[in-house]
Amino acid sequence: MKVDSSSHSSWPIFALRAVIFVAGGAGLYMGYRMFVPGCYPRKFQLLRSAKESAQLLLGTLPMFVVAGIIEGYITPAELPLQAKYGFAAVTLLLLIFYFLYASGKKLTRLPWT
């Protein structure tokens, strides 16, 4: 079975980079709060930042699932190249819509307060 690497969808390429950066940032945030606790005890800050980081990581799970489905079923499928590029264009538009929709939500409080 020949896999054409040029037919990768835009979702795994762009979304996984964003998800990996968010996951790395969540880990760095936990480490920062452990080393710079402010006026609270280190344990309290670590637990609070772990809760916030877990919420960030849970928010990235849908993107991992979609990327896995695309990489597992669409990329190795023997579809015409035009169909794969069309699917890539549709997923890119969905990804742009997802990011614009998510960035339009108003925060009720700042995550670090």
Protein backbone atom coordinates (compact mmCIF):
# COMPACT_ATOMS: atom_id res chain seq x y z
CA MET A 1 0.00 0.00 0.00
CA LYS A 2 1.52 3.26 -1.12
CA VAL A 3 0.94 6.31 1.07
CA ASP A 4 1.23 9.66 -0.66
CA SER A 5 2.77 12.06 1.84
CA SER A 6 1.67 15.08 -0.18
CA SER A 7 -1.97 14.34 0.63
CA HIS A 8 -1.75 15.07 4.34
CA SER A 9 -4.64 17.16 5.48
CA SER A 10 -4.20 20.63 6.92
CA TRP A 11 -5.75 19.56 10.21
CA PRO A 12 -2.93 17.29 11.39
CA ILE A 13 -0.28 19.65 10.08
CA PHE A 14 -1.53 22.89 11.64
CA ALA A 15 -3.72 21.76 14.51
CA LEU A 16 -1.24 19.32 15.99
CA ARG A 17 1.40 22.03 16.13
CA ALA A 18 -0.99 24.26 18.03
CA VAL A 19 -2.01 21.42 20.34
CA ILE A 20 1.61 20.50 21.06
CA PHE A 21 2.41 24.13 21.90
CA VAL A 22 -0.61 24.33 24.21
CA ALA A 23 0.40 21.10 25.96
CA GLY A 24 3.98 22.32 26.35
CA GLY A 25 2.75 25.66 27.66
CA ALA A 26 0.52 23.92 30.19
CA GLY A 27 3.50 21.97 31.51
CA LEU A 28 5.69 25.06 31.64
CA TYR A 29 2.93 26.92 33.49
CA MET A 30 2.81 24.19 36.14
CA GLY A 31 6.57 24.34 36.55
CA TYR A 32 6.56 28.12 36.74
CA ARG A 33 3.90 28.14 39.44
CA MET A 34 5.88 25.58 41.43
CA PHE A 35 9.07 27.66 41.31
CA VAL A 36 7.40 31.09 41.60
CA PRO A 37 4.43 30.52 43.92
CA GLY A 38 3.79 34.15 44.80
CA CYS A 39 2.10 34.69 48.15
CA TYR A 40 0.58 31.19 48.26
CA PRO A 41 2.24 27.94 49.36
CA ARG A 42 3.96 25.93 46.60
CA LYS A 43 1.64 22.95 47.01
CA PHE A 44 -1.46 25.12 46.60
CA GLN A 45 -0.08 26.84 43.50
CA LEU A 46 1.03 23.52 41.99
CA LEU A 47 -2.40 21.96 42.52
CA ARG A 48 -4.17 25.02 41.15
CA SER A 49 -1.94 25.20 38.09
CA ALA A 50 -2.31 21.43 37.55
CA LYS A 51 -6.10 21.86 37.49
CA GLU A 52 -5.85 24.70 34.95
CA SER A 53 -3.35 22.75 32.85
CA ALA A 54 -5.61 19.69 32.86
CA GLN A 55 -8.47 21.85 31.58
CA LEU A 56 -6.24 23.10 28.76
CA LEU A 57 -5.24 19.56 27.85
CA LEU A 58 -8.86 18.37 27.88
CA GLY A 59 -9.64 21.15 25.43
CA THR A 60 -7.04 19.76 23.02
CA LEU A 61 -8.42 16.21 23.00
CA PRO A 62 -10.97 16.79 20.20
CA MET A 63 -8.21 18.06 17.94
CA PHE A 64 -6.10 14.96 18.65
CA VAL A 65 -9.07 12.71 17.88
CA VAL A 66 -9.85 14.43 14.58
CA ALA A 67 -6.18 14.39 13.55
CA GLY A 68 -5.95 10.69 14.41
CA ILE A 69 -9.02 9.88 12.35
CA ILE A 70 -7.67 11.82 9.38
CA GLU A 71 -4.21 10.26 9.60
CA GLY A 72 -5.62 6.79 10.15
CA TYR A 73 -8.34 6.68 7.52
CA ILE A 74 -8.08 9.53 5.01
CA THR A 75 -4.34 9.76 4.37
CA PRO A 76 -3.72 6.06 3.57
CA ALA A 77 -7.00 5.69 1.61
CA GLU A 78 -6.71 5.17 -2.10
CA LEU A 79 -8.78 8.21 -2.98
CA PRO A 80 -8.03 10.45 -5.95
CA LEU A 81 -5.54 13.18 -5.12
CA GLN A 82 -8.14 15.86 -5.92
CA ALA A 83 -10.49 14.39 -3.31
CA LYS A 84 -7.74 14.43 -0.70
CA TYR A 85 -6.85 18.03 -1.53
CA GLY A 86 -10.53 18.96 -1.39
CA PHE A 87 -10.82 17.31 2.01
CA ALA A 88 -7.68 19.19 3.12
CA ALA A 89 -9.24 22.49 2.02
CA VAL A 90 -12.48 21.73 3.88
CA THR A 91 -10.63 20.78 7.06
CA LEU A 92 -8.50 23.92 6.80
CA LEU A 93 -11.66 26.04 6.63
CA LEU A 94 -13.10 24.16 9.61
CA LEU A 95 -9.88 24.70 11.54
CA ILE A 96 -9.91 28.43 10.79
CA PHE A 97 -13.56 28.62 11.87
CA TYR A 98 -12.73 26.67 15.06
CA PHE A 99 -9.90 29.03 15.99
CA LEU A 100 -11.96 32.15 15.20
CA TYR A 101 -14.92 30.82 17.18
CA ALA A 102 -12.73 29.88 20.14
CA SER A 103 -10.94 33.23 20.14
CA GLY A 104 -14.26 35.10 20.11
CA LYS A 105 -15.36 33.71 23.46
CA LYS A 106 -15.08 36.14 26.33
CA LEU A 107 -13.28 35.09 29.48
CA THR A 108 -15.18 35.62 32.70
CA ARG A 109 -11.89 35.78 34.59
CA LEU A 110 -8.24 35.61 33.75
CA PRO A 111 -6.88 32.06 33.95
CA TRP A 112 -3.99 33.02 36.26
CA THR A 113 -6.11 34.79 38.88
